[in-house]
PDB file of N, CA and C in Angstrom:
ATOM      1  N   UNK A   1      74.230  49.406 -62.036  1.00  0.00           N
ATOM      2  CA  UNK A   1      74.023  48.529 -63.179  1.00  0.00           C
ATOM      3  C   UNK A   1      74.542  49.233 -64.422  1.00  0.00           C
ATOM      4  N   UNK A   2      75.367  48.531 -65.196  1.00  0.00           N
ATOM      5  CA  UNK A   2      75.901  49.123 -66.422  1.00  0.00           C
ATOM      6  C   UNK A   2      74.817  49.150 -67.498  1.00  0.00           C
ATOM      7  N   UNK A   3      75.064  49.919 -68.547  1.00  0.00           N
ATOM      8  CA  UNK A   3      74.122  49.980 -69.667  1.00  0.00           C
ATOM      9  C   UNK A   3      73.940  48.593 -70.270  1.00  0.00           C
ATOM     10  N   UNK A   4      75.040  47.847 -70.408  1.00  0.00           N
ATOM     11  CA  UNK A   4      74.952  46.498 -70.976  1.00  0.00           C
ATOM     12  C   UNK A   4      74.101  45.591 -70.093  1.00  0.00           C
ATOM     13  N   UNK A   5      74.284  45.693 -68.777  1.00  0.00           N
ATOM     14  CA  UNK A   5      73.472  44.883 -67.855  1.00  0.00           C
ATOM     15  C   UNK A   5      72.003  45.249 -67.967  1.00  0.00           C
ATOM     16  N   UNK A   6      71.724  46.550 -68.042  1.00  0.00           N
ATOM     17  CA  UNK A   6      70.344  46.987 -68.173  1.00  0.00           C
ATOM     18  C   UNK A   6      69.732  46.472 -69.467  1.00  0.00           C
ATOM     19  N   UNK A   7      70.502  46.545 -70.547  1.00  0.00           N
ATOM     20  CA  UNK A   7      69.987  46.180 -71.862  1.00  0.00           C
ATOM     21  C   UNK A   7      69.557  44.727 -71.935  1.00  0.00           C
ATOM     22  N   UNK A   8      70.175  43.887 -71.157  1.00  0.00           N
ATOM     23  CA  UNK A   8      69.832  42.472 -71.223  1.00  0.00           C
ATOM     24  C   UNK A   8      69.109  41.978 -69.972  1.00  0.00           C
ATOM     25  N   UNK A   9      68.688  42.891 -69.113  1.00  0.00           N
ATOM     26  CA  UNK A   9      67.968  42.474 -67.919  1.00  0.00           C
ATOM     27  C   UNK A   9      66.634  41.855 -68.324  1.00  0.00           C
ATOM     28  N   UNK A  10      66.125  40.999 -67.491  1.00  0.00           N
ATOM     29  CA  UNK A  10      64.868  40.307 -67.792  1.00  0.00           C
ATOM     30  C   UNK A  10      63.719  41.283 -68.024  1.00  0.00           C
ATOM     31  N   UNK A  11      63.649  42.352 -67.232  1.00  0.00           N
ATOM     32  CA  UNK A  11      62.539  43.298 -67.363  1.00  0.00           C
ATOM     33  C   UNK A  11      62.621  44.035 -68.691  1.00  0.00           C
ATOM     34  N   UNK A  12      63.785  44.596 -69.003  1.00  0.00           N
ATOM     35  CA  UNK A  12      63.890  45.335 -70.261  1.00  0.00           C
ATOM     36  C   UNK A  12      63.791  44.394 -71.445  1.00  0.00           C
ATOM     37  N   UNK A  13      64.261  43.157 -71.288  1.00  0.00           N
ATOM     38  CA  UNK A  13      64.153  42.183 -72.383  1.00  0.00           C
ATOM     39  C   UNK A  13      62.682  41.897 -72.686  1.00  0.00           C
ATOM     40  N   UNK A  14      61.885  41.705 -71.650  1.00  0.00           N
ATOM     41  CA  UNK A  14      60.454  41.444 -71.853  1.00  0.00           C
ATOM     42  C   UNK A  14      59.786  42.630 -72.540  1.00  0.00           C
ATOM     43  N   UNK A  15      60.144  43.840 -72.141  1.00  0.00           N
ATOM     44  CA  UNK A  15      59.577  45.034 -72.799  1.00  0.00           C
ATOM     45  C   UNK A  15      59.987  45.092 -74.252  1.00  0.00           C
ATOM     46  N   UNK A  16      61.261  44.851 -74.521  1.00  0.00           N
ATOM     47  CA  UNK A  16      61.752  44.915 -75.900  1.00  0.00           C
ATOM     48  C   UNK A  16      61.070  43.868 -76.771  1.00  0.00           C
ATOM     49  N   UNK A  17      60.847  42.692 -76.231  1.00  0.00           N
ATOM     50  CA  UNK A  17      60.185  41.644 -76.997  1.00  0.00           C
ATOM     51  C   UNK A  17      58.783  42.051 -77.423  1.00  0.00           C
ATOM     52  N   UNK A  18      58.129  42.868 -76.628  1.00  0.00           N
ATOM     53  CA  UNK A  18      56.777  43.304 -76.983  1.00  0.00           C
ATOM     54  C   UNK A  18      56.788  44.296 -78.149  1.00  0.00           C
ATOM     55  N   UNK A  19      57.939  44.904 -78.431  1.00  0.00           N
ATOM     56  CA  UNK A  19      58.047  45.868 -79.529  1.00  0.00           C
ATOM     57  C   UNK A  19      58.394  45.213 -80.854  1.00  0.00           C
ATOM     58  N   UNK A  20      58.874  43.978 -80.821  1.00  0.00           N
ATOM     59  CA  UNK A  20      59.364  43.309 -82.026  1.00  0.00           C
ATOM     60  C   UNK A  20      58.215  42.671 -82.785  1.00  0.00           C
ATOM     61  N   UNK A  21      58.173  42.918 -84.076  1.00  0.00           N
ATOM     62  CA  UNK A  21      57.271  42.180 -84.943  1.00  0.00           C
ATOM     63  C   UNK A  21      58.004  40.890 -85.292  1.00  0.00           C
ATOM     64  N   UNK A  22      57.512  39.744 -84.845  1.00  0.00           N
ATOM     65  CA  UNK A  22      58.273  38.491 -84.993  1.00  0.00           C
ATOM     66  C   UNK A  22      58.819  38.244 -86.385  1.00  0.00           C
ATOM     67  N   UNK A  23      58.085  38.583 -87.422  1.00  0.00           N
ATOM     68  CA  UNK A  23      58.561  38.316 -88.779  1.00  0.00           C
ATOM     69  C   UNK A  23      59.581  39.343 -89.252  1.00  0.00           C
ATOM     70  N   UNK A  24      59.776  40.433 -88.490  1.00  0.00           N
ATOM     71  CA  UNK A  24      60.678  41.505 -88.909  1.00  0.00           C
ATOM     72  C   UNK A  24      62.092  41.352 -88.370  1.00  0.00           C
ATOM     73  N   UNK A  25      62.318  40.364 -87.493  1.00  0.00           N
ATOM     74  CA  UNK A  25      63.644  40.188 -86.905  1.00  0.00           C
ATOM     75  C   UNK A  25      64.007  38.704 -86.895  1.00  0.00           C
ATOM     76  N   UNK A  26      65.278  38.429 -87.080  1.00  0.00           N
ATOM     77  CA  UNK A  26      65.757  37.054 -87.006  1.00  0.00           C
ATOM     78  C   UNK A  26      65.365  36.443 -85.665  1.00  0.00           C
ATOM     79  N   UNK A  27      65.081  35.146 -85.673  1.00  0.00           N
ATOM     80  CA  UNK A  27      64.718  34.482 -84.418  1.00  0.00           C
ATOM     81  C   UNK A  27      65.866  34.520 -83.422  1.00  0.00           C
ATOM     82  N   UNK A  28      67.108  34.716 -83.870  1.00  0.00           N
ATOM     83  CA  UNK A  28      68.240  34.867 -82.947  1.00  0.00           C
ATOM     84  C   UNK A  28      67.989  36.027 -81.987  1.00  0.00           C
ATOM     85  N   UNK A  29      67.370  37.092 -82.485  1.00  0.00           N
ATOM     86  CA  UNK A  29      67.124  38.275 -81.662  1.00  0.00           C
ATOM     87  C   UNK A  29      66.022  38.061 -80.633  1.00  0.00           C
ATOM     88  N   UNK A  30      65.345  36.937 -80.696  1.00  0.00           N
ATOM     89  CA  UNK A  30      64.300  36.627 -79.731  1.00  0.00           C
ATOM     90  C   UNK A  30      64.860  35.866 -78.539  1.00  0.00           C
ATOM     91  N   UNK A  31      66.115  35.447 -78.620  1.00  0.00           N
ATOM     92  CA  UNK A  31      66.744  34.581 -77.613  1.00  0.00           C
ATOM     93  C   UNK A  31      67.677  35.398 -76.722  1.00  0.00           C
ATOM     94  N   UNK A  32      67.304  35.587 -75.455  1.00  0.00           N
ATOM     95  CA  UNK A  32      68.091  36.406 -74.530  1.00  0.00           C
ATOM     96  C   UNK A  32      69.509  35.870 -74.371  1.00  0.00           C
ATOM     97  N   UNK A  33      69.676  34.558 -74.217  1.00  0.00           N
ATOM     98  CA  UNK A  33      71.025  33.998 -74.048  1.00  0.00           C
ATOM     99  C   UNK A  33      71.899  34.266 -75.268  1.00  0.00           C
ATOM    100  N   UNK A  34      71.323  34.151 -76.460  1.00  0.00           N
ATOM    101  CA  UNK A  34      72.069  34.434 -77.688  1.00  0.00           C
ATOM    102  C   UNK A  34      72.486  35.903 -77.714  1.00  0.00           C
ATOM    103  N   UNK A  35      71.559  36.794 -77.334  1.00  0.00           N
ATOM    104  CA  UNK A  35      71.856  38.224 -77.340  1.00  0.00           C
ATOM    105  C   UNK A  35      72.939  38.585 -76.335  1.00  0.00           C
ATOM    106  N   UNK A  36      72.901  37.983 -75.139  1.00  0.00           N
ATOM    107  CA  UNK A  36      73.936  38.254 -74.137  1.00  0.00           C
ATOM    108  C   UNK A  36      75.300  37.884 -74.687  1.00  0.00           C
ATOM    109  N   UNK A  37      75.407  36.707 -75.298  1.00  0.00           N
ATOM    110  CA  UNK A  37      76.686  36.270 -75.869  1.00  0.00           C
ATOM    111  C   UNK A  37      77.096  37.153 -77.046  1.00  0.00           C
ATOM    112  N   UNK A  38      76.149  37.550 -77.888  1.00  0.00           N
ATOM    113  CA  UNK A  38      76.464  38.410 -79.035  1.00  0.00           C
ATOM    114  C   UNK A  38      76.993  39.769 -78.577  1.00  0.00           C
ATOM    115  N   UNK A  39      76.364  40.351 -77.554  1.00  0.00           N
ATOM    116  CA  UNK A  39      76.821  41.643 -77.027  1.00  0.00           C
ATOM    117  C   UNK A  39      78.215  41.502 -76.422  1.00  0.00           C
ATOM    118  N   UNK A  40      78.455  40.398 -75.715  1.00  0.00           N
ATOM    119  CA  UNK A  40      79.775  40.158 -75.126  1.00  0.00           C
ATOM    120  C   UNK A  40      80.839  39.998 -76.220  1.00  0.00           C
ATOM    121  N   UNK A  41      80.525  39.250 -77.269  1.00  0.00           N
ATOM    122  CA  UNK A  41      81.469  39.072 -78.389  1.00  0.00           C
ATOM    123  C   UNK A  41      81.767  40.413 -79.053  1.00  0.00           C
ATOM    124  N   UNK A  42      80.718  41.209 -79.262  1.00  0.00           N
ATOM    125  CA  UNK A  42      80.921  42.516 -79.877  1.00  0.00           C
ATOM    126  C   UNK A  42      81.808  43.389 -79.009  1.00  0.00           C
ATOM    127  N   UNK A  43      81.598  43.358 -77.707  1.00  0.00           N
ATOM    128  CA  UNK A  43      82.427  44.145 -76.789  1.00  0.00           C
ATOM    129  C   UNK A  43      83.885  43.733 -76.857  1.00  0.00           C
ATOM    130  N   UNK A  44      84.129  42.423 -76.894  1.00  0.00           N
ATOM    131  CA  UNK A  44      85.516  41.943 -76.996  1.00  0.00           C
ATOM    132  C   UNK A  44      86.131  42.373 -78.329  1.00  0.00           C
ATOM    133  N   UNK A  45      85.367  42.279 -79.412  1.00  0.00           N
ATOM    134  CA  UNK A  45      85.855  42.682 -80.729  1.00  0.00           C
ATOM    135  C   UNK A  45      86.125  44.184 -80.771  1.00  0.00           C
ATOM    136  N   UNK A  46      85.218  44.969 -80.223  1.00  0.00           N
ATOM    137  CA  UNK A  46      85.363  46.427 -80.252  1.00  0.00           C
ATOM    138  C   UNK A  46      86.623  46.888 -79.533  1.00  0.00           C
ATOM    139  N   UNK A  47      87.024  46.173 -78.498  1.00  0.00           N
ATOM    140  CA  UNK A  47      88.230  46.545 -77.761  1.00  0.00           C
ATOM    141  C   UNK A  47      89.490  46.368 -78.592  1.00  0.00           C
ATOM    142  N   UNK A  48      89.421  45.633 -79.695  1.00  0.00           N
ATOM    143  CA  UNK A  48      90.596  45.424 -80.558  1.00  0.00           C
ATOM    144  C   UNK A  48      90.717  46.514 -81.623  1.00  0.00           C
ATOM    145  N   UNK A  49      89.747  47.400 -81.710  1.00  0.00           N
ATOM    146  CA  UNK A  49      89.701  48.414 -82.766  1.00  0.00           C
ATOM    147  C   UNK A  49      90.030  49.798 -82.208  1.00  0.00           C
ATOM    148  N   UNK A  50      90.449  50.713 -83.088  1.00  0.00           N
ATOM    149  CA  UNK A  50      90.687  52.086 -82.632  1.00  0.00           C
ATOM    150  C   UNK A  50      89.373  52.733 -82.176  1.00  0.00           C
ATOM    151  N   UNK A  51      89.485  53.686 -81.263  1.00  0.00           N
ATOM    152  CA  UNK A  51      88.312  54.410 -80.792  1.00  0.00           C
ATOM    153  C   UNK A  51      87.743  55.246 -81.924  1.00  0.00           C
ATOM    154  N   UNK A  52      86.430  55.209 -82.081  1.00  0.00           N
ATOM    155  CA  UNK A  52      85.744  55.910 -83.162  1.00  0.00           C
ATOM    156  C   UNK A  52      84.495  56.566 -82.609  1.00  0.00           C
ATOM    157  N   UNK A  53      84.146  57.715 -83.128  1.00  0.00           N
ATOM    158  CA  UNK A  53      82.911  58.385 -82.744  1.00  0.00           C
ATOM    159  C   UNK A  53      81.964  58.360 -83.936  1.00  0.00           C
ATOM    160  N   UNK A  54      80.781  57.846 -83.718  1.00  0.00           N
ATOM    161  CA  UNK A  54      79.735  57.851 -84.744  1.00  0.00           C
ATOM    162  C   UNK A  54      78.553  58.584 -84.141  1.00  0.00           C
ATOM    163  N   UNK A  55      78.182  59.700 -84.758  1.00  0.00           N
ATOM    164  CA  UNK A  55      77.115  60.499 -84.158  1.00  0.00           C
ATOM    165  C   UNK A  55      75.750  60.246 -84.775  1.00  0.00           C
ATOM    166  N   UNK A  56      75.652  59.347 -85.723  1.00  0.00           N
ATOM    167  CA  UNK A  56      74.358  58.922 -86.222  1.00  0.00           C
ATOM    168  C   UNK A  56      73.774  59.730 -87.370  1.00  0.00           C
ATOM    169  N   UNK A  57      74.490  60.695 -87.900  1.00  0.00           N
ATOM    170  CA  UNK A  57      73.995  61.499 -89.017  1.00  0.00           C
ATOM    171  C   UNK A  57      74.771  61.081 -90.267  1.00  0.00           C
ATOM    172  N   UNK A  58      74.461  59.893 -90.757  1.00  0.00           N
ATOM    173  CA  UNK A  58      75.252  59.300 -91.833  1.00  0.00           C
ATOM    174  C   UNK A  58      74.806  59.812 -93.200  1.00  0.00           C
ATOM    175  N   UNK A  59      75.703  60.498 -93.883  1.00  0.00           N
ATOM    176  CA  UNK A  59      75.523  60.889 -95.280  1.00  0.00           C
ATOM    177  C   UNK A  59      76.882  61.302 -95.824  1.00  0.00           C
ATOM    178  N   UNK A  60      76.998  61.454 -97.132  1.00  0.00           N
ATOM    179  CA  UNK A  60      78.299  61.744 -97.745  1.00  0.00           C
ATOM    180  C   UNK A  60      78.914  63.046 -97.257  1.00  0.00           C
ATOM    181  N   UNK A  61      78.098  63.991 -96.841  1.00  0.00           N
ATOM    182  CA  UNK A  61      78.627  65.246 -96.314  1.00  0.00           C
ATOM    183  C   UNK A  61      79.377  65.068 -95.001  1.00  0.00           C
ATOM    184  N   UNK A  62      79.150  63.950 -94.334  1.00  0.00           N
ATOM    185  CA  UNK A  62      79.845  63.660 -93.076  1.00  0.00           C
ATOM    186  C   UNK A  62      80.884  62.562 -93.256  1.00  0.00           C
ATOM    187  N   UNK A  63      81.355  62.362 -94.471  1.00  0.00           N
ATOM    188  CA  UNK A  63      82.374  61.359 -94.753  1.00  0.00           C
ATOM    189  C   UNK A  63      83.731  62.042 -94.763  1.00  0.00           C
ATOM    190  N   UNK A  64      84.635  61.533 -93.943  1.00  0.00           N
ATOM    191  CA  UNK A  64      85.968  62.102 -93.854  1.00  0.00           C
ATOM    192  C   UNK A  64      86.992  61.049 -94.232  1.00  0.00           C
ATOM    193  N   UNK A  65      87.904  61.415 -95.119  1.00  0.00           N
ATOM    194  CA  UNK A  65      88.982  60.520 -95.509  1.00  0.00           C
ATOM    195  C   UNK A  65      90.282  61.242 -95.203  1.00  0.00           C
ATOM    196  N   UNK A  66      91.153  60.591 -94.419  1.00  0.00           N
ATOM    197  CA  UNK A  66      92.435  61.211 -94.115  1.00  0.00           C
ATOM    198  C   UNK A  66      93.539  60.515 -94.908  1.00  0.00           C
ATOM    199  N   UNK A  67      94.794  60.890 -94.655  1.00  0.00           N
ATOM    200  CA  UNK A  67      95.915  60.355 -95.431  1.00  0.00           C
ATOM    201  C   UNK A  67      96.071  58.843 -95.277  1.00  0.00           C
ATOM    202  N   UNK A  68      95.541  58.271 -94.194  1.00  0.00           N
ATOM    203  CA  UNK A  68      95.611  56.831 -93.996  1.00  0.00           C
ATOM    204  C   UNK A  68      94.436  56.078 -94.597  1.00  0.00           C
ATOM    205  N   UNK A  69      93.547  56.796 -95.258  1.00  0.00           N
ATOM    206  CA  UNK A  69      92.394  56.148 -95.870  1.00  0.00           C
ATOM    207  C   UNK A  69      91.185  56.244 -95.029  1.00  0.00           C
TER     208      UNK A  69
END
């Protein structure tokens, strides 16, 4: 099972829903079918972009600008 398959499986979806405060997330995020399509759209979009590494430590000290901008 791929990570994407696991992320949208019925079991993990039910667990994730128990963590969400309903008023803290758009109702779109409560809909498994919407999420499956959104993840698929994002995957298709991501394939059109250059490969990028984001390590999650976002601050100005980790901002790099090269000659191409």
